[in-house]
Amino acid sequence: MEYVRLGNTGLQVSRLCLGCMTYGDPGWREWVLDEAASRPFIKEALEAGINFFDTADMYSLGRSEEILGRALKDMARRDEVVIATKLYNPMGPKPTQRGLSRKHVMEAIDASLKRLGTDYVDLWIIHRFDYATPVEETVEALSDVVKAGKALYLGASSMWAWQFMKMLGLQRARGLAPFVSMQNYLNLVYREEEREMLPLCRSEGIAVTPWSPLARGFLAGSKPREGASTTRARTDSYQQALGLGSEQDYTILERVEEIARRLGVKPAQVALAWVLGVPGVTAPIVGASKPHHLKDALGALEITLDAETRAFLEEPYRPRPVSGHT
């Protein structure tokens, strides 16, 4: 396993991050695995050298954090792993149980730490931009959490580049704990982040940890033109919200499949290798719910796509509506 710095920090993370949204309560989403089914994947990731694990309070309404925390406590030393979790999305029906207000920030970190069974998280990420809370309030509260030792680093997720830069500027001007990572939506069928966010992150030394590098499984063949889709593809409402499955998307998928045949690998590995090769990308977040998923992801680390192959994969792409910010 290769390890790289998380942006401009001294923290070393594995080149792949295991996303844990899949682990939790099947009652939350049909495709989610329960604790017994989840633990083998976490164990396999650790054995492969993955030290970077990403979850969120909203995943199975906290159940994912609980499962990850117990597994890591049983299988690894705390100082060997990097735990990332997120806040922003609703954790209950009341207006105070969501967003990035000082109240919710302070309550959310304590709740996440309790569920994870740890004294601190390595990376605490705002899941989305909060239009209802002044950014000054949010960045001050987040910095206070870092000063209290409850989070070591701060990260952000999908938003407009101007919003991210505004918060970075406030953090620097006021001497507050800064964001060191951006977790954004990036893959071969969605490349709008290449316009503003990725250049910003490269310029500012911000780590990039893309979510859904396989487009919710689309680039792995979960939603073929003909034939049965996977359970995830059939029931994942967010996949539908992202607008996956256009004629352009299938043209790109066909090129991914063609390159996979040429190289003797799987389409998922080609798609992930493309993301790994995007300048500035630190560690894509990969999910694993079937025995071959982690093996395939690890295999992508061994694939280097030359410039001609990357151009062939990228050529069909045309601008599309921005998505993933909500």
C-alpha atoms as a PDB file:
ATOM      1  CA  MET A   1       0.000   0.000   0.000  1.00  0.00           C
ATOM      2  CA  GLU A   2       1.219   3.474  -0.872  1.00  0.00           C
ATOM      3  CA  TYR A   3       0.792   6.236   1.704  1.00  0.00           C
ATOM      4  CA  VAL A   4       0.566   9.922   0.877  1.00  0.00           C
ATOM      5  CA  ARG A   5       0.297  13.169   2.823  1.00  0.00           C
ATOM      6  CA  LEU A   6      -3.186  14.507   3.413  1.00  0.00           C
ATOM      7  CA  GLY A   7      -2.749  17.802   1.619  1.00  0.00           C
ATOM      8  CA  ASN A   8      -0.293  20.107   3.362  1.00  0.00           C
ATOM      9  CA  THR A   9      -0.529  18.228   6.661  1.00  0.00           C
ATOM     10  CA  GLY A  10       1.951  15.736   8.032  1.00  0.00           C
ATOM     11  CA  LEU A  11      -0.733  13.042   8.240  1.00  0.00           C
ATOM     12  CA  GLN A  12      -0.019   9.970   6.109  1.00  0.00           C
ATOM     13  CA  VAL A  13      -3.047   8.186   4.639  1.00  0.00           C
ATOM     14  CA  SER A  14      -3.422   5.182   2.383  1.00  0.00           C
ATOM     15  CA  ARG A  15      -3.975   5.878  -1.313  1.00  0.00           C
ATOM     16  CA  LEU A  16      -7.467   4.421  -0.929  1.00  0.00           C
ATOM     17  CA  CYS A  17     -10.026   5.303   1.729  1.00  0.00           C
ATOM     18  CA  LEU A  18     -12.682   2.777   2.718  1.00  0.00           C
ATOM     19  CA  GLY A  19     -16.109   4.408   2.655  1.00  0.00           C
ATOM     20  CA  CYS A  20     -18.417   3.007   5.311  1.00  0.00           C
ATOM     21  CA  MET A  21     -21.834   4.233   4.191  1.00  0.00           C
ATOM     22  CA  THR A  22     -22.562   0.634   3.188  1.00  0.00           C
ATOM     23  CA  TYR A  23     -22.202  -0.572   6.786  1.00  0.00           C
ATOM     24  CA  GLY A  24     -25.040   0.042   9.203  1.00  0.00           C
ATOM     25  CA  ASP A  25     -28.736  -0.741   9.275  1.00  0.00           C
ATOM     26  CA  PRO A  26     -30.433  -2.387   6.258  1.00  0.00           C
ATOM     27  CA  GLY A  27     -33.616  -0.691   7.419  1.00  0.00           C
ATOM     28  CA  TRP A  28     -32.039   2.659   6.491  1.00  0.00           C
ATOM     29  CA  ARG A  29     -31.253   1.607   2.920  1.00  0.00           C
ATOM     30  CA  GLU A  30     -31.962  -1.754   1.309  1.00  0.00           C
ATOM     31  CA  TRP A  31     -28.377  -2.209   0.118  1.00  0.00           C
ATOM     32  CA  VAL A  32     -26.734  -1.563   3.505  1.00  0.00           C
ATOM     33  CA  LEU A  33     -24.974  -4.444   5.310  1.00  0.00           C
ATOM     34  CA  ASP A  34     -25.512  -5.194   8.990  1.00  0.00           C
ATOM     35  CA  GLU A  35     -22.659  -5.370  11.485  1.00  0.00           C
ATOM     36  CA  ALA A  36     -21.887  -9.055  11.072  1.00  0.00           C
ATOM     37  CA  ALA A  37     -21.692  -8.714   7.293  1.00  0.00           C
ATOM     38  CA  SER A  38     -19.692  -5.477   7.506  1.00  0.00           C
ATOM     39  CA  ARG A  39     -16.807  -6.496   9.742  1.00  0.00           C
ATOM     40  CA  PRO A  40     -15.043  -8.786   7.215  1.00  0.00           C
ATOM     41  CA  PHE A  41     -14.661  -5.866   4.806  1.00  0.00           C
ATOM     42  CA  ILE A  42     -13.111  -3.630   7.454  1.00  0.00           C
ATOM     43  CA  LYS A  43     -10.769  -6.469   8.420  1.00  0.00           C
ATOM     44  CA  GLU A  44      -9.786  -7.037   4.783  1.00  0.00           C
ATOM     45  CA  ALA A  45      -9.092  -3.332   4.317  1.00  0.00           C
ATOM     46  CA  LEU A  46      -6.815  -3.241   7.356  1.00  0.00           C
ATOM     47  CA  GLU A  47      -4.965  -6.345   6.189  1.00  0.00           C
ATOM     48  CA  ALA A  48      -4.431  -4.707   2.786  1.00  0.00           C
ATOM     49  CA  GLY A  49      -2.811  -1.696   4.435  1.00  0.00           C
ATOM     50  CA  ILE A  50      -5.737   0.722   4.223  1.00  0.00           C
ATOM     51  CA  ASN A  51      -5.547   3.014   7.247  1.00  0.00           C
ATOM     52  CA  PHE A  52      -8.107   5.638   6.158  1.00  0.00           C
ATOM     53  CA  PHE A  53     -11.803   5.108   6.966  1.00  0.00           C
ATOM     54  CA  ASP A  54     -14.664   7.472   6.132  1.00  0.00           C
ATOM     55  CA  THR A  55     -18.134   7.515   7.660  1.00  0.00           C
ATOM     56  CA  ALA A  56     -20.756  10.111   8.654  1.00  0.00           C
ATOM     57  CA  ASP A  57     -23.242  10.646  11.442  1.00  0.00           C
ATOM     58  CA  MET A  58     -26.138  10.425   8.991  1.00  0.00           C
ATOM     59  CA  TYR A  59     -25.182   6.991   7.629  1.00  0.00           C
ATOM     60  CA  SER A  60     -27.815   4.684   9.087  1.00  0.00           C
ATOM     61  CA  LEU A  61     -28.429   7.539  11.563  1.00  0.00           C
ATOM     62  CA  GLY A  62     -25.272   6.779  13.511  1.00  0.00           C
ATOM     63  CA  ARG A  63     -25.177   3.027  13.150  1.00  0.00           C
ATOM     64  CA  SER A  64     -22.289   3.176  10.656  1.00  0.00           C
ATOM     65  CA  GLU A  65     -20.147   5.075  13.149  1.00  0.00           C
ATOM     66  CA  GLU A  66     -20.921   2.513  15.849  1.00  0.00           C
ATOM     67  CA  ILE A  67     -19.999  -0.430  13.625  1.00  0.00           C
ATOM     68  CA  LEU A  68     -16.783   1.173  12.392  1.00  0.00           C
ATOM     69  CA  GLY A  69     -15.754   2.198  15.894  1.00  0.00           C
ATOM     70  CA  ARG A  70     -16.221  -1.271  17.346  1.00  0.00           C
ATOM     71  CA  ALA A  71     -14.462  -2.956  14.441  1.00  0.00           C
ATOM     72  CA  LEU A  72     -11.419  -0.706  14.608  1.00  0.00           C
ATOM     73  CA  LYS A  73     -11.226  -1.079  18.375  1.00  0.00           C
ATOM     74  CA  ASP A  74     -11.174  -4.865  17.968  1.00  0.00           C
ATOM     75  CA  MET A  75      -8.898  -5.040  14.929  1.00  0.00           C
ATOM     76  CA  ALA A  76      -6.420  -2.150  15.138  1.00  0.00           C
ATOM     77  CA  ARG A  77      -4.650   0.270  17.443  1.00  0.00           C
ATOM     78  CA  ARG A  78      -6.126   3.756  17.514  1.00  0.00           C
ATOM     79  CA  ASP A  79      -2.810   5.345  16.547  1.00  0.00           C
ATOM     80  CA  GLU A  80      -2.622   3.162  13.426  1.00  0.00           C
ATOM     81  CA  VAL A  81      -5.834   4.375  11.773  1.00  0.00           C
ATOM     82  CA  VAL A  82      -7.272   7.601  10.426  1.00  0.00           C
ATOM     83  CA  ILE A  83     -10.980   8.041  11.109  1.00  0.00           C
ATOM     84  CA  ALA A  84     -13.020  10.593   9.188  1.00  0.00           C
ATOM     85  CA  THR A  85     -16.636  11.375   9.908  1.00  0.00           C
ATOM     86  CA  LYS A  86     -19.042  14.121   8.889  1.00  0.00           C
ATOM     87  CA  LEU A  87     -21.819  16.391  10.121  1.00  0.00           C
ATOM     88  CA  TYR A  88     -24.540  18.615   8.621  1.00  0.00           C
ATOM     89  CA  ASN A  89     -27.397  16.334   7.577  1.00  0.00           C
ATOM     90  CA  PRO A  90     -30.473  15.834   9.789  1.00  0.00           C
ATOM     91  CA  MET A  91     -30.022  13.551  12.777  1.00  0.00           C
ATOM     92  CA  GLY A  92     -33.579  14.022  13.975  1.00  0.00           C
ATOM     93  CA  PRO A  93     -36.803  15.864  13.143  1.00  0.00           C
ATOM     94  CA  LYS A  94     -36.041  19.094  15.006  1.00  0.00           C
ATOM     95  CA  PRO A  95     -34.446  22.148  13.364  1.00  0.00           C
ATOM     96  CA  THR A  96     -31.608  22.140  15.915  1.00  0.00           C
ATOM     97  CA  GLN A  97     -30.587  18.606  14.897  1.00  0.00           C
ATOM     98  CA  ARG A  98     -29.001  19.543  11.583  1.00  0.00           C
ATOM     99  CA  GLY A  99     -26.814  22.102   9.862  1.00  0.00           C
ATOM    100  CA  LEU A 100     -23.644  23.892  10.920  1.00  0.00           C
ATOM    101  CA  SER A 101     -24.800  26.148  13.735  1.00  0.00           C
ATOM    102  CA  ARG A 102     -22.544  26.385  16.798  1.00  0.00           C
ATOM    103  CA  LYS A 103     -25.125  24.428  18.764  1.00  0.00           C
ATOM    104  CA  HIS A 104     -25.265  21.540  16.314  1.00  0.00           C
ATOM    105  CA  VAL A 105     -21.489  21.529  15.746  1.00  0.00           C
ATOM    106  CA  MET A 106     -20.819  21.147  19.480  1.00  0.00           C
ATOM    107  CA  GLU A 107     -23.471  18.501  19.978  1.00  0.00           C
ATOM    108  CA  ALA A 108     -22.638  16.576  16.804  1.00  0.00           C
ATOM    109  CA  ILE A 109     -18.970  16.055  17.648  1.00  0.00           C
ATOM    110  CA  ASP A 110     -19.771  14.643  21.090  1.00  0.00           C
ATOM    111  CA  ALA A 111     -22.417  12.337  19.631  1.00  0.00           C
ATOM    112  CA  SER A 112     -20.038  11.060  16.933  1.00  0.00           C
ATOM    113  CA  LEU A 113     -17.236  10.459  19.424  1.00  0.00           C
ATOM    114  CA  LYS A 114     -19.591   8.477  21.646  1.00  0.00           C
ATOM    115  CA  ARG A 115     -20.786   6.325  18.746  1.00  0.00           C
ATOM    116  CA  LEU A 116     -17.240   5.760  17.451  1.00  0.00           C
ATOM    117  CA  GLY A 117     -15.952   4.984  20.932  1.00  0.00           C
ATOM    118  CA  THR A 118     -12.958   7.284  20.606  1.00  0.00           C
ATOM    119  CA  ASP A 119     -11.682  10.470  22.233  1.00  0.00           C
ATOM    120  CA  TYR A 120     -11.053  12.217  18.915  1.00  0.00           C
ATOM    121  CA  VAL A 121     -11.572  11.925  15.188  1.00  0.00           C
ATOM    122  CA  ASP A 122      -8.677  12.493  12.833  1.00  0.00           C
ATOM    123  CA  LEU A 123     -10.676  14.315  10.171  1.00  0.00           C
ATOM    124  CA  TRP A 124     -14.040  16.013  10.749  1.00  0.00           C
ATOM    125  CA  ILE A 125     -15.851  17.038   7.594  1.00  0.00           C
ATOM    126  CA  ILE A 126     -18.768  19.364   6.942  1.00  0.00           C
ATOM    127  CA  HIS A 127     -20.965  17.239   4.708  1.00  0.00           C
ATOM    128  CA  ARG A 128     -22.412  20.190   2.780  1.00  0.00           C
ATOM    129  CA  PHE A 129     -22.523  23.998   2.849  1.00  0.00           C
ATOM    130  CA  ASP A 130     -25.105  25.449   5.239  1.00  0.00           C
ATOM    131  CA  TYR A 131     -26.929  28.390   3.660  1.00  0.00           C
ATOM    132  CA  ALA A 132     -28.859  29.019   6.885  1.00  0.00           C
ATOM    133  CA  THR A 133     -25.835  29.661   9.128  1.00  0.00           C
ATOM    134  CA  PRO A 134     -23.283  32.484   8.827  1.00  0.00           C
ATOM    135  CA  VAL A 135     -19.973  31.022   7.731  1.00  0.00           C
ATOM    136  CA  GLU A 136     -18.235  33.008  10.488  1.00  0.00           C
ATOM    137  CA  GLU A 137     -20.218  31.073  13.082  1.00  0.00           C
ATOM    138  CA  THR A 138     -19.410  27.741  11.482  1.00  0.00           C
ATOM    139  CA  VAL A 139     -15.653  28.214  11.089  1.00  0.00           C
ATOM    140  CA  GLU A 140     -15.308  29.587  14.641  1.00  0.00           C
ATOM    141  CA  ALA A 141     -17.185  26.608  16.099  1.00  0.00           C
ATOM    142  CA  LEU A 142     -15.218  24.079  14.062  1.00  0.00           C
ATOM    143  CA  SER A 143     -11.943  25.638  15.170  1.00  0.00           C
ATOM    144  CA  ASP A 144     -13.048  25.422  18.793  1.00  0.00           C
ATOM    145  CA  VAL A 145     -13.613  21.685  18.346  1.00  0.00           C
ATOM    146  CA  VAL A 146     -10.036  21.327  17.102  1.00  0.00           C
ATOM    147  CA  LYS A 147      -8.705  23.423  19.994  1.00  0.00           C
ATOM    148  CA  ALA A 148     -10.586  21.116  22.378  1.00  0.00           C
ATOM    149  CA  GLY A 149      -8.734  18.128  20.898  1.00  0.00           C
ATOM    150  CA  LYS A 150     -11.903  16.434  19.683  1.00  0.00           C
ATOM    151  CA  ALA A 151     -10.867  16.636  16.012  1.00  0.00           C
ATOM    152  CA  LEU A 152      -7.320  16.846  14.669  1.00  0.00           C
ATOM    153  CA  TYR A 153      -8.081  18.171  11.194  1.00  0.00           C
ATOM    154  CA  LEU A 154     -11.062  19.690   9.377  1.00  0.00           C
ATOM    155  CA  GLY A 155     -12.417  18.895   5.945  1.00  0.00           C
ATOM    156  CA  ALA A 156     -15.261  19.978   3.675  1.00  0.00           C
ATOM    157  CA  SER A 157     -17.383  18.235   1.068  1.00  0.00           C
ATOM    158  CA  SER A 158     -19.242  19.145  -2.120  1.00  0.00           C
ATOM    159  CA  MET A 159     -19.963  22.851  -2.564  1.00  0.00           C
ATOM    160  CA  TRP A 160     -19.148  25.706  -4.924  1.00  0.00           C
ATOM    161  CA  ALA A 161     -15.494  26.684  -5.090  1.00  0.00           C
ATOM    162  CA  TRP A 162     -16.293  30.280  -4.065  1.00  0.00           C
ATOM    163  CA  GLN A 163     -17.962  29.017  -0.895  1.00  0.00           C
ATOM    164  CA  PHE A 164     -14.952  26.898  -0.009  1.00  0.00           C
ATOM    165  CA  MET A 165     -12.533  29.752  -0.676  1.00  0.00           C
ATOM    166  CA  LYS A 166     -14.631  32.152   1.406  1.00  0.00           C
ATOM    167  CA  MET A 167     -14.370  29.841   4.405  1.00  0.00           C
ATOM    168  CA  LEU A 168     -10.660  29.224   3.840  1.00  0.00           C
ATOM    169  CA  GLY A 169     -10.107  32.957   3.708  1.00  0.00           C
ATOM    170  CA  LEU A 170     -11.966  33.521   6.960  1.00  0.00           C
ATOM    171  CA  GLN A 171     -10.021  30.756   8.673  1.00  0.00           C
ATOM    172  CA  ARG A 172      -6.712  32.286   7.636  1.00  0.00           C
ATOM    173  CA  ALA A 173      -7.681  35.862   8.433  1.00  0.00           C
ATOM    174  CA  ARG A 174      -8.824  34.911  11.936  1.00  0.00           C
ATOM    175  CA  GLY A 175      -6.122  32.361  12.713  1.00  0.00           C
ATOM    176  CA  LEU A 176      -8.611  29.491  12.915  1.00  0.00           C
ATOM    177  CA  ALA A 177      -8.076  25.782  12.282  1.00  0.00           C
ATOM    178  CA  PRO A 178      -8.230  25.396   8.480  1.00  0.00           C
ATOM    179  CA  PHE A 179      -9.878  22.927   6.165  1.00  0.00           C
ATOM    180  CA  VAL A 180      -7.217  20.545   4.872  1.00  0.00           C
ATOM    181  CA  SER A 181      -9.323  18.349   2.576  1.00  0.00           C
ATOM    182  CA  MET A 182     -12.149  18.469   0.052  1.00  0.00           C
ATOM    183  CA  GLN A 183     -14.399  15.444  -0.457  1.00  0.00           C
ATOM    184  CA  ASN A 184     -16.121  16.076  -3.760  1.00  0.00           C
ATOM    185  CA  TYR A 185     -17.974  14.195  -6.479  1.00  0.00           C
ATOM    186  CA  LEU A 186     -15.581  13.188  -9.275  1.00  0.00           C
ATOM    187  CA  ASN A 187     -15.521  10.378 -11.824  1.00  0.00           C
ATOM    188  CA  LEU A 188     -15.424   9.815 -15.574  1.00  0.00           C
ATOM    189  CA  VAL A 189     -19.111  10.670 -16.054  1.00  0.00           C
ATOM    190  CA  TYR A 190     -19.028  13.717 -13.762  1.00  0.00           C
ATOM    191  CA  ARG A 191     -16.061  16.047 -14.238  1.00  0.00           C
ATOM    192  CA  GLU A 192     -17.465  19.485 -13.457  1.00  0.00           C
ATOM    193  CA  GLU A 193     -15.106  19.705 -10.460  1.00  0.00           C
ATOM    194  CA  GLU A 194     -12.196  20.047 -12.892  1.00  0.00           C
ATOM    195  CA  ARG A 195     -13.287  23.600 -13.726  1.00  0.00           C
ATOM    196  CA  GLU A 196     -12.900  25.378 -10.380  1.00  0.00           C
ATOM    197  CA  MET A 197     -12.646  23.127  -7.328  1.00  0.00           C
ATOM    198  CA  LEU A 198      -9.705  20.956  -8.357  1.00  0.00           C
ATOM    199  CA  PRO A 199      -7.520  23.890  -9.483  1.00  0.00           C
ATOM    200  CA  LEU A 200      -8.366  25.643  -6.210  1.00  0.00           C
ATOM    201  CA  CYS A 201      -7.358  22.608  -4.166  1.00  0.00           C
ATOM    202  CA  ARG A 202      -4.095  22.172  -6.055  1.00  0.00           C
ATOM    203  CA  SER A 203      -3.279  25.843  -5.613  1.00  0.00           C
ATOM    204  CA  GLU A 204      -4.042  25.840  -1.884  1.00  0.00           C
ATOM    205  CA  GLY A 205      -2.518  22.453  -1.042  1.00  0.00           C
ATOM    206  CA  ILE A 206      -5.878  20.929  -0.132  1.00  0.00           C
ATOM    207  CA  ALA A 207      -6.200  17.130  -0.194  1.00  0.00           C
ATOM    208  CA  VAL A 208      -8.842  15.774  -2.568  1.00  0.00           C
ATOM    209  CA  THR A 209     -10.705  12.625  -1.502  1.00  0.00           C
ATOM    210  CA  PRO A 210     -13.392  12.059  -4.153  1.00  0.00           C
ATOM    211  CA  TRP A 211     -16.621  10.322  -3.262  1.00  0.00           C
ATOM    212  CA  SER A 212     -18.287   7.941  -5.700  1.00  0.00           C
ATOM    213  CA  PRO A 213     -15.313   7.475  -8.053  1.00  0.00           C
ATOM    214  CA  LEU A 214     -17.368   4.774  -9.800  1.00  0.00           C
ATOM    215  CA  ALA A 215     -20.501   6.957 -10.037  1.00  0.00           C
ATOM    216  CA  ARG A 216     -22.502   4.950  -7.489  1.00  0.00           C
ATOM    217  CA  GLY A 217     -21.401   1.770  -9.268  1.00  0.00           C
ATOM    218  CA  PHE A 218     -22.513   2.898 -12.727  1.00  0.00           C
ATOM    219  CA  LEU A 219     -18.975   2.644 -14.097  1.00  0.00           C
ATOM    220  CA  ALA A 220     -18.714  -0.865 -12.682  1.00  0.00           C
ATOM    221  CA  GLY A 221     -21.756  -1.946 -14.691  1.00  0.00           C
ATOM    222  CA  SER A 222     -24.419  -1.753 -11.974  1.00  0.00           C
ATOM    223  CA  LYS A 223     -26.943  -0.227 -14.374  1.00  0.00           C
ATOM    224  CA  PRO A 224     -26.496  -1.836 -17.804  1.00  0.00           C
ATOM    225  CA  ARG A 225     -28.424  -0.667 -20.854  1.00  0.00           C
ATOM    226  CA  GLU A 226     -30.070  -4.060 -20.957  1.00  0.00           C
ATOM    227  CA  GLY A 227     -30.494  -6.650 -18.234  1.00  0.00           C
ATOM    228  CA  ALA A 228     -30.947  -6.457 -14.504  1.00  0.00           C
ATOM    229  CA  SER A 229     -29.530  -3.652 -12.395  1.00  0.00           C
ATOM    230  CA  THR A 230     -28.041  -4.274  -8.975  1.00  0.00           C
ATOM    231  CA  THR A 231     -30.127  -3.745  -5.838  1.00  0.00           C
ATOM    232  CA  ARG A 232     -28.158  -0.558  -5.156  1.00  0.00           C
ATOM    233  CA  ALA A 233     -28.818   0.809  -8.629  1.00  0.00           C
ATOM    234  CA  ARG A 234     -32.531   0.003  -8.403  1.00  0.00           C
ATOM    235  CA  THR A 235     -33.103   1.460  -4.952  1.00  0.00           C
ATOM    236  CA  ASP A 236     -30.515   4.223  -4.538  1.00  0.00           C
ATOM    237  CA  SER A 237     -32.585   7.391  -4.833  1.00  0.00           C
ATOM    238  CA  TYR A 238     -29.457   9.544  -4.766  1.00  0.00           C
ATOM    239  CA  GLN A 239     -28.127   7.812  -7.874  1.00  0.00           C
ATOM    240  CA  GLN A 240     -31.303   8.915  -9.604  1.00  0.00           C
ATOM    241  CA  ALA A 241     -30.914  12.451  -8.251  1.00  0.00           C
ATOM    242  CA  LEU A 242     -27.429  12.610  -9.783  1.00  0.00           C
ATOM    243  CA  GLY A 243     -28.951  11.951 -13.188  1.00  0.00           C
ATOM    244  CA  LEU A 244     -26.858   8.911 -14.051  1.00  0.00           C
ATOM    245  CA  GLY A 245     -27.711   6.930 -17.162  1.00  0.00           C
ATOM    246  CA  SER A 246     -27.713   9.445 -20.011  1.00  0.00           C
ATOM    247  CA  GLU A 247     -26.620   8.500 -23.519  1.00  0.00           C
ATOM    248  CA  GLN A 248     -23.329  10.275 -22.834  1.00  0.00           C
ATOM    249  CA  ASP A 249     -22.822   8.230 -19.661  1.00  0.00           C
ATOM    250  CA  TYR A 250     -23.310   4.964 -21.526  1.00  0.00           C
ATOM    251  CA  THR A 251     -20.910   6.054 -24.280  1.00  0.00           C
ATOM    252  CA  ILE A 252     -18.263   6.681 -21.628  1.00  0.00           C
ATOM    253  CA  LEU A 253     -19.051   3.355 -19.951  1.00  0.00           C
ATOM    254  CA  GLU A 254     -18.583   1.567 -23.288  1.00  0.00           C
ATOM    255  CA  ARG A 255     -15.126   3.124 -23.610  1.00  0.00           C
ATOM    256  CA  VAL A 256     -14.277   2.075 -20.048  1.00  0.00           C
ATOM    257  CA  GLU A 257     -15.320  -1.472 -20.918  1.00  0.00           C
ATOM    258  CA  GLU A 258     -13.258  -1.389 -24.121  1.00  0.00           C
ATOM    259  CA  ILE A 259     -10.107  -0.316 -22.257  1.00  0.00           C
ATOM    260  CA  ALA A 260     -10.781  -2.965 -19.612  1.00  0.00           C
ATOM    261  CA  ARG A 261     -10.864  -5.634 -22.326  1.00  0.00           C
ATOM    262  CA  ARG A 262      -7.620  -4.348 -23.821  1.00  0.00           C
ATOM    263  CA  LEU A 263      -5.850  -4.396 -20.474  1.00  0.00           C
ATOM    264  CA  GLY A 264      -7.404  -7.614 -19.206  1.00  0.00           C
ATOM    265  CA  VAL A 265      -8.870  -5.932 -16.110  1.00  0.00           C
ATOM    266  CA  LYS A 266     -12.311  -4.976 -14.854  1.00  0.00           C
ATOM    267  CA  PRO A 267     -14.166  -1.800 -15.877  1.00  0.00           C
ATOM    268  CA  ALA A 268     -14.298  -0.673 -12.243  1.00  0.00           C
ATOM    269  CA  GLN A 269     -10.508  -0.818 -12.104  1.00  0.00           C
ATOM    270  CA  VAL A 270     -10.149   1.328 -15.218  1.00  0.00           C
ATOM    271  CA  ALA A 271     -12.598   3.914 -13.885  1.00  0.00           C
ATOM    272  CA  LEU A 272     -10.849   4.043 -10.513  1.00  0.00           C
ATOM    273  CA  ALA A 273      -7.405   4.208 -12.120  1.00  0.00           C
ATOM    274  CA  TRP A 274      -8.587   7.259 -14.054  1.00  0.00           C
ATOM    275  CA  VAL A 275      -9.579   9.041 -10.818  1.00  0.00           C
ATOM    276  CA  LEU A 276      -6.295   8.064  -9.156  1.00  0.00           C
ATOM    277  CA  GLY A 277      -4.464   9.696 -12.047  1.00  0.00           C
ATOM    278  CA  VAL A 278      -6.239  13.059 -11.817  1.00  0.00           C
ATOM    279  CA  PRO A 279      -3.694  15.662 -10.627  1.00  0.00           C
ATOM    280  CA  GLY A 280      -4.253  16.554  -6.995  1.00  0.00           C
ATOM    281  CA  VAL A 281      -6.314  13.513  -6.033  1.00  0.00           C
ATOM    282  CA  THR A 282      -5.120  12.121  -2.708  1.00  0.00           C
ATOM    283  CA  ALA A 283      -7.296   9.111  -1.897  1.00  0.00           C
ATOM    284  CA  PRO A 284     -10.583   8.179  -3.575  1.00  0.00           C
ATOM    285  CA  ILE A 285     -13.263   6.824  -1.251  1.00  0.00           C
ATOM    286  CA  VAL A 286     -14.243   3.315  -2.276  1.00  0.00           C
ATOM    287  CA  GLY A 287     -17.102   1.211  -0.998  1.00  0.00           C
ATOM    288  CA  ALA A 288     -17.088  -2.561  -0.602  1.00  0.00           C
ATOM    289  CA  SER A 289     -20.140  -4.743  -0.162  1.00  0.00           C
ATOM    290  CA  LYS A 290     -19.198  -7.796  -2.220  1.00  0.00           C
ATOM    291  CA  PRO A 291     -16.147 -10.057  -1.882  1.00  0.00           C
ATOM    292  CA  HIS A 292     -14.442  -8.783  -5.041  1.00  0.00           C
ATOM    293  CA  HIS A 293     -14.914  -5.045  -4.431  1.00  0.00           C
ATOM    294  CA  LEU A 294     -11.822  -4.387  -2.321  1.00  0.00           C
ATOM    295  CA  LYS A 295      -9.665  -6.680  -4.424  1.00  0.00           C
ATOM    296  CA  ASP A 296     -10.731  -4.777  -7.528  1.00  0.00           C
ATOM    297  CA  ALA A 297     -10.006  -1.413  -5.900  1.00  0.00           C
ATOM    298  CA  LEU A 298      -6.579  -2.532  -4.771  1.00  0.00           C
ATOM    299  CA  GLY A 299      -5.867  -3.792  -8.273  1.00  0.00           C
ATOM    300  CA  ALA A 300      -6.583  -0.328  -9.660  1.00  0.00           C
ATOM    301  CA  LEU A 301      -3.538   0.945  -7.771  1.00  0.00           C
ATOM    302  CA  GLU A 302      -1.384  -1.129 -10.112  1.00  0.00           C
ATOM    303  CA  ILE A 303      -2.852   0.396 -13.281  1.00  0.00           C
ATOM    304  CA  THR A 304      -1.368   3.492 -14.889  1.00  0.00           C
ATOM    305  CA  LEU A 305      -3.312   4.844 -17.846  1.00  0.00           C
ATOM    306  CA  ASP A 306      -1.180   6.545 -20.462  1.00  0.00           C
ATOM    307  CA  ALA A 307      -2.115   9.913 -21.944  1.00  0.00           C
ATOM    308  CA  GLU A 308      -3.629   8.386 -25.080  1.00  0.00           C
ATOM    309  CA  THR A 309      -5.867   6.053 -23.062  1.00  0.00           C
ATOM    310  CA  ARG A 310      -6.982   8.854 -20.749  1.00  0.00           C
ATOM    311  CA  ALA A 311      -7.842  11.014 -23.753  1.00  0.00           C
ATOM    312  CA  PHE A 312      -9.870   8.174 -25.273  1.00  0.00           C
ATOM    313  CA  LEU A 313     -11.845   7.782 -22.044  1.00  0.00           C
ATOM    314  CA  GLU A 314     -12.399  11.518 -21.631  1.00  0.00           C
ATOM    315  CA  GLU A 315     -13.286  12.488 -25.208  1.00  0.00           C
ATOM    316  CA  PRO A 316     -17.078  11.800 -25.076  1.00  0.00           C
ATOM    317  CA  TYR A 317     -17.575  14.006 -22.012  1.00  0.00           C
ATOM    318  CA  ARG A 318     -19.586  17.186 -22.431  1.00  0.00           C
ATOM    319  CA  PRO A 319     -20.538  19.699 -19.713  1.00  0.00           C
ATOM    320  CA  ARG A 320     -23.479  18.654 -17.574  1.00  0.00           C
ATOM    321  CA  PRO A 321     -25.503  20.295 -14.809  1.00  0.00           C
ATOM    322  CA  VAL A 322     -23.676  20.638 -11.530  1.00  0.00           C
ATOM    323  CA  SER A 323     -24.845  18.048  -8.996  1.00  0.00           C
ATOM    324  CA  GLY A 324     -23.815  16.564  -5.693  1.00  0.00           C
ATOM    325  CA  HIS A 325     -23.986  19.805  -3.698  1.00  0.00           C
ATOM    326  CA  THR A 326     -27.231  18.877  -1.907  1.00  0.00           C
END
